[in-house]
Amino acid sequence: MPRLRGHFGHEYRYVESTPSTQLLLAPDAPEGAVVVAEEQTAGRGRLGRRWLAPAGTSLLCSVQLRPRIEPRRLPELTAVAAGACAQAIEAVTGLAPEVKDPNDLLVGGRKVAGVLAEAREERVVLGLGINVNVAKVDLPTEVDLPATSLLVEIGRETDRAELLVELLERLERHYREWLSG
């Protein structure tokens, strides 16, 4: 928490393992509440696709949002979050991921991260998964889009806490700009 530079993440919960961080944000949790897990046993992406990663290698988190906007604008949140995620990765690693509509981040044509925004009960739960320190041998192979990790791309481990702090700051900034039009 001392490293945080905004409001997102001031309500923070960490778990070793969970089926999905999306399930751990209570309906009454405040905007900007964050849940982070070392491992998700039933993590998923868009269209119900599985998100696989060995424990302790990825940044797996969900953030509670409470946008007071017209419901038709809610799908825009995925692009807002993907842009913030790409900027956070670039700030920490020097890599410049491209956003592949609607919710994937690619490096060299390979998926390094995904975003999933789900609206429910007057809130949006934003799930983010980034392959951070996943060794090449541990990347999933039976997927539609080839996978990569920050470790594979830059050849060294990345501090996941530093990446989370950067992600939350950029996500909050992008979100506030989006809300203000």
N, C-alpha and C. Protein backbone atom coordinates (compact mmCIF):
# COMPACT_ATOMS: atom_id res chain seq x y z
N MET A 1 0.80 -1.21 0.00
CA MET A 1 0.00 0.00 0.00
C MET A 1 0.84 1.28 0.00
N PRO A 2 1.98 1.31 0.66
CA PRO A 2 2.74 2.56 0.64
C PRO A 2 3.19 2.95 -0.77
N ARG A 3 3.22 2.00 -1.68
CA ARG A 3 3.66 2.29 -3.04
C ARG A 3 2.54 2.83 -3.93
N LEU A 4 1.29 2.72 -3.49
CA LEU A 4 0.16 3.16 -4.31
C LEU A 4 0.19 4.67 -4.49
N ARG A 5 -0.21 5.10 -5.71
CA ARG A 5 -0.18 6.52 -6.03
C ARG A 5 -1.57 7.09 -6.30
N GLY A 6 -2.61 6.33 -6.06
CA GLY A 6 -3.97 6.78 -6.30
C GLY A 6 -4.89 6.17 -5.27
N HIS A 7 -6.18 6.08 -5.60
CA HIS A 7 -7.16 5.49 -4.69
C HIS A 7 -7.38 4.00 -4.92
N PHE A 8 -7.19 3.54 -6.15
CA PHE A 8 -7.40 2.13 -6.44
C PHE A 8 -6.41 1.29 -5.64
N GLY A 9 -6.92 0.25 -5.02
CA GLY A 9 -6.07 -0.67 -4.26
C GLY A 9 -6.00 -0.38 -2.78
N HIS A 10 -6.66 0.68 -2.31
CA HIS A 10 -6.61 0.96 -0.88
C HIS A 10 -7.46 -0.03 -0.09
N GLU A 11 -8.46 -0.63 -0.72
CA GLU A 11 -9.07 -1.82 -0.15
C GLU A 11 -8.49 -2.96 -0.96
N TYR A 12 -7.70 -3.80 -0.31
CA TYR A 12 -6.88 -4.79 -1.00
C TYR A 12 -7.03 -6.13 -0.30
N ARG A 13 -7.19 -7.16 -1.10
CA ARG A 13 -7.26 -8.51 -0.55
C ARG A 13 -6.35 -9.41 -1.38
N TYR A 14 -5.54 -10.19 -0.70
CA TYR A 14 -4.62 -11.12 -1.35
C TYR A 14 -5.00 -12.54 -0.93
N VAL A 15 -5.04 -13.45 -1.91
CA VAL A 15 -5.29 -14.86 -1.61
C VAL A 15 -4.27 -15.72 -2.35
N GLU A 16 -3.95 -16.85 -1.75
CA GLU A 16 -3.02 -17.78 -2.41
C GLU A 16 -3.67 -18.40 -3.64
N SER A 17 -4.89 -18.88 -3.47
CA SER A 17 -5.54 -19.59 -4.56
C SER A 17 -7.05 -19.35 -4.51
N THR A 18 -7.65 -19.24 -5.69
CA THR A 18 -9.09 -19.05 -5.80
C THR A 18 -9.52 -19.56 -7.17
N PRO A 19 -10.76 -19.97 -7.31
CA PRO A 19 -11.22 -20.30 -8.65
C PRO A 19 -11.09 -19.09 -9.58
N SER A 20 -11.48 -17.89 -9.08
CA SER A 20 -11.38 -16.67 -9.88
C SER A 20 -11.42 -15.46 -8.97
N THR A 21 -10.54 -14.49 -9.20
CA THR A 21 -10.58 -13.26 -8.40
C THR A 21 -11.89 -12.51 -8.60
N GLN A 22 -12.52 -12.71 -9.75
CA GLN A 22 -13.81 -12.04 -10.04
C GLN A 22 -14.85 -12.36 -8.97
N LEU A 23 -14.76 -13.55 -8.38
CA LEU A 23 -15.77 -14.00 -7.42
C LEU A 23 -15.55 -13.46 -6.01
N LEU A 24 -14.40 -12.83 -5.77
CA LEU A 24 -14.05 -12.43 -4.41
C LEU A 24 -14.36 -10.98 -4.08
N LEU A 25 -14.84 -10.22 -5.05
CA LEU A 25 -15.22 -8.83 -4.78
C LEU A 25 -16.70 -8.78 -4.40
N ALA A 26 -16.96 -8.43 -3.15
CA ALA A 26 -18.34 -8.39 -2.66
C ALA A 26 -19.12 -7.28 -3.36
N PRO A 27 -20.42 -7.47 -3.54
CA PRO A 27 -21.24 -6.44 -4.18
C PRO A 27 -21.13 -5.08 -3.49
N ASP A 28 -20.87 -5.05 -2.18
CA ASP A 28 -20.80 -3.77 -1.46
C ASP A 28 -19.37 -3.23 -1.33
N ALA A 29 -18.40 -3.89 -1.96
CA ALA A 29 -17.02 -3.38 -1.91
C ALA A 29 -16.96 -2.03 -2.61
N PRO A 30 -16.12 -1.12 -2.13
CA PRO A 30 -16.07 0.21 -2.72
C PRO A 30 -15.37 0.21 -4.08
N GLU A 31 -15.58 1.28 -4.82
CA GLU A 31 -14.90 1.44 -6.09
C GLU A 31 -13.39 1.47 -5.83
N GLY A 32 -12.66 0.74 -6.66
CA GLY A 32 -11.21 0.68 -6.53
C GLY A 32 -10.72 -0.45 -5.65
N ALA A 33 -11.64 -1.22 -5.05
CA ALA A 33 -11.23 -2.39 -4.27
C ALA A 33 -10.56 -3.39 -5.22
N VAL A 34 -9.52 -4.06 -4.71
CA VAL A 34 -8.73 -4.96 -5.54
C VAL A 34 -8.57 -6.31 -4.84
N VAL A 35 -8.65 -7.37 -5.62
CA VAL A 35 -8.32 -8.71 -5.16
C VAL A 35 -7.22 -9.24 -6.06
N VAL A 36 -6.17 -9.81 -5.44
CA VAL A 36 -5.04 -10.39 -6.17
C VAL A 36 -4.86 -11.82 -5.70
N ALA A 37 -4.58 -12.72 -6.64
CA ALA A 37 -4.35 -14.12 -6.31
C ALA A 37 -3.04 -14.61 -6.91
N GLU A 38 -2.38 -15.51 -6.19
CA GLU A 38 -1.19 -16.18 -6.73
C GLU A 38 -1.59 -17.18 -7.81
N GLU A 39 -2.80 -17.73 -7.66
CA GLU A 39 -3.24 -18.77 -8.59
C GLU A 39 -4.76 -18.70 -8.74
N GLN A 40 -5.22 -18.91 -9.96
CA GLN A 40 -6.65 -19.08 -10.22
C GLN A 40 -6.83 -20.49 -10.79
N THR A 41 -7.71 -21.24 -10.17
CA THR A 41 -7.93 -22.61 -10.62
C THR A 41 -8.99 -22.72 -11.70
N ALA A 42 -9.79 -21.66 -11.86
CA ALA A 42 -10.82 -21.66 -12.90
C ALA A 42 -10.88 -20.28 -13.57
N GLY A 43 -9.71 -19.67 -13.72
CA GLY A 43 -9.65 -18.36 -14.37
C GLY A 43 -10.18 -18.47 -15.79
N ARG A 44 -10.80 -17.39 -16.26
CA ARG A 44 -11.36 -17.44 -17.61
C ARG A 44 -11.26 -16.08 -18.27
N GLY A 45 -11.34 -16.15 -19.57
CA GLY A 45 -11.33 -14.95 -20.38
C GLY A 45 -12.66 -14.82 -21.11
N ARG A 46 -12.62 -14.05 -22.17
CA ARG A 46 -13.81 -13.82 -22.97
C ARG A 46 -14.29 -15.13 -23.56
N LEU A 47 -15.60 -15.25 -23.74
CA LEU A 47 -16.25 -16.43 -24.30
C LEU A 47 -15.98 -17.69 -23.48
N GLY A 48 -15.68 -17.50 -22.18
CA GLY A 48 -15.49 -18.63 -21.29
C GLY A 48 -14.18 -19.37 -21.47
N ARG A 49 -13.25 -18.82 -22.24
CA ARG A 49 -11.97 -19.49 -22.44
C ARG A 49 -11.20 -19.53 -21.13
N ARG A 50 -10.46 -20.61 -20.90
CA ARG A 50 -9.68 -20.76 -19.67
C ARG A 50 -8.43 -19.91 -19.70
N TRP A 51 -8.05 -19.40 -18.53
CA TRP A 51 -6.79 -18.67 -18.38
C TRP A 51 -5.91 -19.54 -17.48
N LEU A 52 -4.83 -20.06 -18.04
CA LEU A 52 -3.97 -20.98 -17.32
C LEU A 52 -2.62 -20.33 -17.03
N ALA A 53 -2.15 -20.51 -15.79
CA ALA A 53 -0.83 -20.01 -15.42
C ALA A 53 -0.37 -20.73 -14.15
N PRO A 54 0.89 -21.14 -14.10
CA PRO A 54 1.39 -21.75 -12.86
C PRO A 54 1.32 -20.76 -11.70
N ALA A 55 1.10 -21.27 -10.51
CA ALA A 55 1.00 -20.42 -9.32
C ALA A 55 2.26 -19.57 -9.16
N GLY A 56 2.06 -18.30 -8.78
CA GLY A 56 3.16 -17.41 -8.48
C GLY A 56 3.88 -16.81 -9.68
N THR A 57 3.31 -16.96 -10.88
CA THR A 57 4.02 -16.49 -12.07
C THR A 57 3.35 -15.32 -12.77
N SER A 58 2.09 -15.08 -12.47
CA SER A 58 1.32 -14.08 -13.22
C SER A 58 0.75 -13.02 -12.29
N LEU A 59 0.28 -11.95 -12.89
CA LEU A 59 -0.47 -10.95 -12.14
C LEU A 59 -1.94 -11.23 -12.45
N LEU A 60 -2.66 -11.69 -11.44
CA LEU A 60 -4.06 -12.07 -11.57
C LEU A 60 -4.86 -11.23 -10.58
N CYS A 61 -5.68 -10.33 -11.10
CA CYS A 61 -6.40 -9.45 -10.18
C CYS A 61 -7.75 -9.04 -10.75
N SER A 62 -8.59 -8.57 -9.85
CA SER A 62 -9.87 -7.98 -10.22
C SER A 62 -10.03 -6.67 -9.47
N VAL A 63 -10.67 -5.71 -10.14
CA VAL A 63 -10.88 -4.37 -9.59
C VAL A 63 -12.37 -4.05 -9.67
N GLN A 64 -12.90 -3.52 -8.58
CA GLN A 64 -14.31 -3.12 -8.53
C GLN A 64 -14.48 -1.70 -9.07
N LEU A 65 -15.39 -1.54 -10.01
CA LEU A 65 -15.71 -0.21 -10.55
C LEU A 65 -17.20 0.04 -10.39
N ARG A 66 -17.55 1.30 -10.20
CA ARG A 66 -18.95 1.70 -10.06
C ARG A 66 -19.24 2.90 -10.96
N PRO A 67 -19.13 2.70 -12.26
CA PRO A 67 -19.34 3.84 -13.16
C PRO A 67 -20.81 4.27 -13.20
N ARG A 68 -21.03 5.55 -13.09
CA ARG A 68 -22.39 6.10 -13.19
C ARG A 68 -22.53 6.65 -14.61
N ILE A 69 -22.77 5.74 -15.53
CA ILE A 69 -22.88 6.10 -16.94
C ILE A 69 -24.01 5.31 -17.56
N GLU A 70 -24.32 5.63 -18.79
CA GLU A 70 -25.34 4.88 -19.52
C GLU A 70 -24.83 3.46 -19.76
N PRO A 71 -25.69 2.46 -19.53
CA PRO A 71 -25.26 1.08 -19.70
C PRO A 71 -24.68 0.77 -21.08
N ARG A 72 -25.12 1.46 -22.11
CA ARG A 72 -24.61 1.19 -23.46
C ARG A 72 -23.11 1.48 -23.58
N ARG A 73 -22.56 2.30 -22.67
CA ARG A 73 -21.13 2.63 -22.70
C ARG A 73 -20.26 1.61 -21.98
N LEU A 74 -20.85 0.72 -21.21
CA LEU A 74 -20.07 -0.23 -20.41
C LEU A 74 -19.07 -1.06 -21.22
N PRO A 75 -19.39 -1.52 -22.42
CA PRO A 75 -18.39 -2.29 -23.17
C PRO A 75 -17.09 -1.52 -23.45
N GLU A 76 -17.14 -0.20 -23.40
CA GLU A 76 -15.93 0.61 -23.62
C GLU A 76 -14.89 0.38 -22.53
N LEU A 77 -15.32 -0.08 -21.36
CA LEU A 77 -14.40 -0.28 -20.25
C LEU A 77 -13.29 -1.29 -20.58
N THR A 78 -13.60 -2.27 -21.39
CA THR A 78 -12.58 -3.25 -21.75
C THR A 78 -11.42 -2.57 -22.46
N ALA A 79 -11.72 -1.70 -23.41
CA ALA A 79 -10.66 -0.98 -24.13
C ALA A 79 -9.92 -0.02 -23.21
N VAL A 80 -10.63 0.62 -22.30
CA VAL A 80 -10.00 1.53 -21.34
C VAL A 80 -8.98 0.76 -20.50
N ALA A 81 -9.40 -0.39 -19.99
CA ALA A 81 -8.51 -1.21 -19.15
C ALA A 81 -7.35 -1.79 -19.95
N ALA A 82 -7.62 -2.22 -21.17
CA ALA A 82 -6.55 -2.79 -22.00
C ALA A 82 -5.48 -1.74 -22.29
N GLY A 83 -5.90 -0.51 -22.58
CA GLY A 83 -4.94 0.57 -22.82
C GLY A 83 -4.10 0.86 -21.60
N ALA A 84 -4.72 0.89 -20.43
CA ALA A 84 -3.99 1.12 -19.18
C ALA A 84 -3.01 0.00 -18.91
N CYS A 85 -3.44 -1.23 -19.17
CA CYS A 85 -2.58 -2.39 -18.95
C CYS A 85 -1.37 -2.34 -19.89
N ALA A 86 -1.58 -2.00 -21.14
CA ALA A 86 -0.48 -1.91 -22.10
C ALA A 86 0.52 -0.84 -21.66
N GLN A 87 0.03 0.30 -21.18
CA GLN A 87 0.94 1.36 -20.72
C GLN A 87 1.71 0.93 -19.48
N ALA A 88 1.07 0.21 -18.58
CA ALA A 88 1.76 -0.26 -17.37
C ALA A 88 2.88 -1.24 -17.73
N ILE A 89 2.59 -2.15 -18.64
CA ILE A 89 3.61 -3.10 -19.08
C ILE A 89 4.78 -2.36 -19.72
N GLU A 90 4.48 -1.38 -20.55
CA GLU A 90 5.54 -0.62 -21.20
C GLU A 90 6.38 0.16 -20.18
N ALA A 91 5.73 0.75 -19.19
CA ALA A 91 6.45 1.54 -18.19
C ALA A 91 7.41 0.67 -17.37
N VAL A 92 7.00 -0.56 -17.08
CA VAL A 92 7.81 -1.43 -16.23
C VAL A 92 8.85 -2.22 -17.01
N THR A 93 8.53 -2.61 -18.26
CA THR A 93 9.43 -3.51 -19.00
C THR A 93 10.06 -2.90 -20.24
N GLY A 94 9.48 -1.84 -20.77
CA GLY A 94 9.96 -1.28 -22.03
C GLY A 94 9.29 -1.90 -23.24
N LEU A 95 8.55 -2.99 -23.05
CA LEU A 95 7.79 -3.60 -24.14
C LEU A 95 6.58 -2.73 -24.47
N ALA A 96 6.14 -2.75 -25.72
CA ALA A 96 4.97 -1.97 -26.12
C ALA A 96 3.90 -2.91 -26.68
N PRO A 97 3.10 -3.50 -25.78
CA PRO A 97 2.06 -4.42 -26.26
C PRO A 97 1.03 -3.71 -27.13
N GLU A 98 0.51 -4.43 -28.11
CA GLU A 98 -0.58 -3.89 -28.91
C GLU A 98 -1.88 -4.48 -28.38
N VAL A 99 -2.93 -3.68 -28.45
CA VAL A 99 -4.24 -4.13 -28.01
C VAL A 99 -4.95 -4.75 -29.21
N LYS A 100 -5.34 -6.01 -29.05
CA LYS A 100 -6.10 -6.70 -30.08
C LYS A 100 -7.55 -6.73 -29.60
N ASP A 101 -8.41 -6.03 -30.33
CA ASP A 101 -9.82 -5.97 -29.95
C ASP A 101 -10.39 -7.37 -29.80
N PRO A 102 -11.22 -7.57 -28.80
CA PRO A 102 -11.64 -6.54 -27.85
C PRO A 102 -10.85 -6.55 -26.55
N ASN A 103 -10.12 -7.64 -26.21
CA ASN A 103 -9.60 -7.70 -24.84
C ASN A 103 -8.24 -8.35 -24.66
N ASP A 104 -7.48 -8.51 -25.72
CA ASP A 104 -6.18 -9.15 -25.61
C ASP A 104 -5.06 -8.14 -25.78
N LEU A 105 -3.93 -8.39 -25.13
CA LEU A 105 -2.71 -7.62 -25.33
C LEU A 105 -1.67 -8.57 -25.90
N LEU A 106 -1.05 -8.14 -27.00
CA LEU A 106 -0.11 -8.99 -27.70
C LEU A 106 1.28 -8.36 -27.74
N VAL A 107 2.28 -9.21 -27.69
CA VAL A 107 3.66 -8.81 -27.93
C VAL A 107 4.17 -9.75 -29.03
N GLY A 108 4.57 -9.18 -30.14
CA GLY A 108 5.05 -10.00 -31.25
C GLY A 108 4.00 -10.98 -31.76
N GLY A 109 2.73 -10.59 -31.68
CA GLY A 109 1.65 -11.45 -32.16
C GLY A 109 1.24 -12.54 -31.18
N ARG A 110 1.84 -12.56 -29.98
CA ARG A 110 1.52 -13.58 -28.98
C ARG A 110 0.87 -12.92 -27.76
N LYS A 111 -0.11 -13.60 -27.19
CA LYS A 111 -0.89 -13.04 -26.09
C LYS A 111 -0.09 -13.02 -24.79
N VAL A 112 -0.01 -11.82 -24.20
CA VAL A 112 0.68 -11.66 -22.93
C VAL A 112 -0.29 -11.30 -21.81
N ALA A 113 -1.47 -10.79 -22.16
CA ALA A 113 -2.43 -10.38 -21.14
C ALA A 113 -3.84 -10.38 -21.70
N GLY A 114 -4.80 -10.41 -20.77
CA GLY A 114 -6.21 -10.35 -21.15
C GLY A 114 -6.99 -9.56 -20.13
N VAL A 115 -8.10 -8.99 -20.58
CA VAL A 115 -8.97 -8.16 -19.75
C VAL A 115 -10.40 -8.70 -19.89
N LEU A 116 -11.10 -8.77 -18.78
CA LEU A 116 -12.49 -9.21 -18.79
C LEU A 116 -13.30 -8.29 -17.89
N ALA A 117 -14.24 -7.55 -18.46
CA ALA A 117 -15.11 -6.66 -17.69
C ALA A 117 -16.50 -7.26 -17.66
N GLU A 118 -17.02 -7.45 -16.44
CA GLU A 118 -18.36 -8.01 -16.29
C GLU A 118 -19.22 -7.07 -15.45
N ALA A 119 -20.34 -6.64 -16.03
CA ALA A 119 -21.28 -5.77 -15.33
C ALA A 119 -22.26 -6.63 -14.56
N ARG A 120 -22.47 -6.25 -13.30
CA ARG A 120 -23.45 -6.94 -12.45
C ARG A 120 -23.78 -6.08 -11.24
N GLU A 121 -25.02 -6.11 -10.84
CA GLU A 121 -25.45 -5.47 -9.59
C GLU A 121 -24.94 -4.04 -9.45
N GLU A 122 -25.15 -3.21 -10.46
CA GLU A 122 -24.75 -1.80 -10.43
C GLU A 122 -23.25 -1.60 -10.22
N ARG A 123 -22.47 -2.52 -10.74
CA ARG A 123 -21.03 -2.43 -10.64
C ARG A 123 -20.40 -3.16 -11.82
N VAL A 124 -19.13 -2.93 -12.03
CA VAL A 124 -18.38 -3.67 -13.03
C VAL A 124 -17.18 -4.28 -12.32
N VAL A 125 -17.01 -5.58 -12.49
CA VAL A 125 -15.84 -6.26 -11.96
C VAL A 125 -14.89 -6.46 -13.14
N LEU A 126 -13.73 -5.85 -13.02
CA LEU A 126 -12.75 -5.86 -14.09
C LEU A 126 -11.65 -6.86 -13.74
N GLY A 127 -11.55 -7.92 -14.52
CA GLY A 127 -10.51 -8.93 -14.29
C GLY A 127 -9.35 -8.73 -15.25
N LEU A 128 -8.14 -8.82 -14.73
CA LEU A 128 -6.94 -8.66 -15.55
C LEU A 128 -5.98 -9.80 -15.26
N GLY A 129 -5.44 -10.36 -16.32
CA GLY A 129 -4.43 -11.40 -16.18
C GLY A 129 -3.25 -11.09 -17.07
N ILE A 130 -2.05 -11.06 -16.48
CA ILE A 130 -0.83 -10.79 -17.23
C ILE A 130 0.15 -11.93 -16.98
N ASN A 131 0.64 -12.53 -18.06
CA ASN A 131 1.69 -13.55 -17.95
C ASN A 131 3.00 -12.82 -17.66
N VAL A 132 3.44 -12.86 -16.43
CA VAL A 132 4.61 -12.08 -16.02
C VAL A 132 5.86 -12.94 -16.06
N ASN A 133 6.02 -13.84 -15.09
CA ASN A 133 7.24 -14.63 -14.97
C ASN A 133 6.99 -16.10 -15.32
N VAL A 134 6.24 -16.33 -16.37
CA VAL A 134 5.94 -17.68 -16.84
C VAL A 134 7.06 -18.11 -17.79
N ALA A 135 7.71 -19.22 -17.45
CA ALA A 135 8.76 -19.75 -18.31
C ALA A 135 8.15 -20.25 -19.62
N LYS A 136 8.93 -20.24 -20.68
CA LYS A 136 8.45 -20.66 -22.00
C LYS A 136 7.85 -22.06 -21.95
N VAL A 137 8.48 -22.95 -21.23
CA VAL A 137 8.01 -24.33 -21.14
C VAL A 137 6.65 -24.43 -20.44
N ASP A 138 6.29 -23.44 -19.63
CA ASP A 138 5.03 -23.48 -18.89
C ASP A 138 3.88 -22.73 -19.57
N LEU A 139 4.15 -22.12 -20.71
CA LEU A 139 3.09 -21.42 -21.43
C LEU A 139 2.13 -22.42 -22.06
N PRO A 140 0.83 -22.11 -22.05
CA PRO A 140 -0.13 -23.03 -22.67
C PRO A 140 0.12 -23.13 -24.18
N THR A 141 -0.06 -24.34 -24.71
CA THR A 141 0.15 -24.55 -26.14
C THR A 141 -1.15 -24.84 -26.88
N GLU A 142 -2.14 -25.35 -26.18
CA GLU A 142 -3.41 -25.68 -26.82
C GLU A 142 -4.37 -24.51 -26.69
N VAL A 143 -4.02 -23.40 -27.35
CA VAL A 143 -4.82 -22.18 -27.30
C VAL A 143 -5.00 -21.64 -28.71
N ASP A 144 -6.04 -20.80 -28.88
CA ASP A 144 -6.30 -20.20 -30.19
C ASP A 144 -5.20 -19.25 -30.62
N LEU A 145 -4.67 -18.50 -29.66
CA LEU A 145 -3.66 -17.49 -29.93
C LEU A 145 -2.40 -17.89 -29.15
N PRO A 146 -1.24 -17.98 -29.81
CA PRO A 146 -0.02 -18.36 -29.08
C PRO A 146 0.22 -17.42 -27.90
N ALA A 147 0.74 -17.98 -26.81
CA ALA A 147 0.97 -17.20 -25.59
C ALA A 147 2.45 -16.87 -25.43
N THR A 148 2.70 -15.79 -24.67
CA THR A 148 4.04 -15.42 -24.28
C THR A 148 3.98 -14.84 -22.88
N SER A 149 5.11 -14.46 -22.34
CA SER A 149 5.16 -13.82 -21.03
C SER A 149 6.20 -12.70 -21.07
N LEU A 150 6.14 -11.85 -20.08
CA LEU A 150 7.13 -10.78 -19.99
C LEU A 150 8.53 -11.37 -19.82
N LEU A 151 8.64 -12.45 -19.04
CA LEU A 151 9.92 -13.14 -18.85
C LEU A 151 10.50 -13.61 -20.18
N VAL A 152 9.68 -14.25 -20.99
CA VAL A 152 10.14 -14.75 -22.29
C VAL A 152 10.58 -13.58 -23.18
N GLU A 153 9.83 -12.50 -23.14
CA GLU A 153 10.10 -11.38 -24.04
C GLU A 153 11.31 -10.54 -23.65
N ILE A 154 11.56 -10.36 -22.36
CA ILE A 154 12.67 -9.49 -21.96
C ILE A 154 13.85 -10.26 -21.34
N GLY A 155 13.65 -11.54 -21.09
CA GLY A 155 14.75 -12.37 -20.60
C GLY A 155 15.11 -12.21 -19.14
N ARG A 156 14.24 -11.59 -18.36
CA ARG A 156 14.47 -11.46 -16.92
C ARG A 156 13.11 -11.37 -16.21
N GLU A 157 13.12 -11.67 -14.93
CA GLU A 157 11.89 -11.59 -14.16
C GLU A 157 11.47 -10.15 -13.93
N THR A 158 10.17 -9.95 -13.80
CA THR A 158 9.57 -8.64 -13.54
C THR A 158 8.95 -8.68 -12.15
N ASP A 159 9.11 -7.61 -11.40
CA ASP A 159 8.52 -7.48 -10.07
C ASP A 159 7.00 -7.31 -10.24
N ARG A 160 6.26 -8.32 -9.83
CA ARG A 160 4.80 -8.29 -10.01
C ARG A 160 4.14 -7.19 -9.17
N ALA A 161 4.68 -6.89 -7.98
CA ALA A 161 4.11 -5.82 -7.16
C ALA A 161 4.30 -4.47 -7.85
N GLU A 162 5.47 -4.25 -8.42
CA GLU A 162 5.71 -3.00 -9.15
C GLU A 162 4.75 -2.87 -10.33
N LEU A 163 4.53 -3.97 -11.03
CA LEU A 163 3.61 -3.96 -12.17
C LEU A 163 2.18 -3.68 -11.70
N LEU A 164 1.78 -4.26 -10.58
CA LEU A 164 0.43 -4.02 -10.04
C LEU A 164 0.25 -2.55 -9.68
N VAL A 165 1.22 -1.95 -9.02
CA VAL A 165 1.14 -0.54 -8.64
C VAL A 165 0.99 0.33 -9.89
N GLU A 166 1.79 0.05 -10.90
CA GLU A 166 1.74 0.82 -12.15
C GLU A 166 0.39 0.61 -12.84
N LEU A 167 -0.09 -0.62 -12.85
CA LEU A 167 -1.37 -0.93 -13.47
C LEU A 167 -2.51 -0.18 -12.78
N LEU A 168 -2.54 -0.20 -11.46
CA LEU A 168 -3.63 0.46 -10.74
C LEU A 168 -3.61 1.96 -10.96
N GLU A 169 -2.43 2.56 -10.97
CA GLU A 169 -2.34 4.00 -11.20
C GLU A 169 -2.86 4.36 -12.58
N ARG A 170 -2.39 3.63 -13.60
CA ARG A 170 -2.80 3.95 -14.97
C ARG A 170 -4.27 3.62 -15.20
N LEU A 171 -4.75 2.54 -14.61
CA LEU A 171 -6.16 2.18 -14.75
C LEU A 171 -7.03 3.27 -14.13
N GLU A 172 -6.68 3.74 -12.96
CA GLU A 172 -7.48 4.79 -12.31
C GLU A 172 -7.49 6.05 -13.17
N ARG A 173 -6.35 6.43 -13.70
CA ARG A 173 -6.27 7.64 -14.53
C ARG A 173 -7.12 7.49 -15.79
N HIS A 174 -6.97 6.38 -16.50
CA HIS A 174 -7.74 6.14 -17.73
C HIS A 174 -9.24 6.09 -17.42
N TYR A 175 -9.59 5.44 -16.34
CA TYR A 175 -11.00 5.32 -15.94
C TYR A 175 -11.60 6.69 -15.64
N ARG A 176 -10.90 7.51 -14.89
CA ARG A 176 -11.40 8.85 -14.56
C ARG A 176 -11.56 9.70 -15.82
N GLU A 177 -10.60 9.62 -16.73
CA GLU A 177 -10.69 10.36 -18.01
C GLU A 177 -11.89 9.87 -18.80
N TRP A 178 -12.11 8.56 -18.84
CA TRP A 178 -13.23 7.98 -19.57
C TRP A 178 -14.55 8.45 -18.98
N LEU A 179 -14.65 8.46 -17.64
CA LEU A 179 -15.88 8.92 -16.99
C LEU A 179 -16.19 10.37 -17.31
N SER A 180 -15.15 11.19 -17.42
CA SER A 180 -15.37 12.62 -17.66
C SER A 180 -15.60 12.92 -19.14
N GLY A 181 -15.56 11.89 -19.97
CA GLY A 181 -15.90 12.07 -21.38
C GLY A 181 -14.72 12.35 -22.24
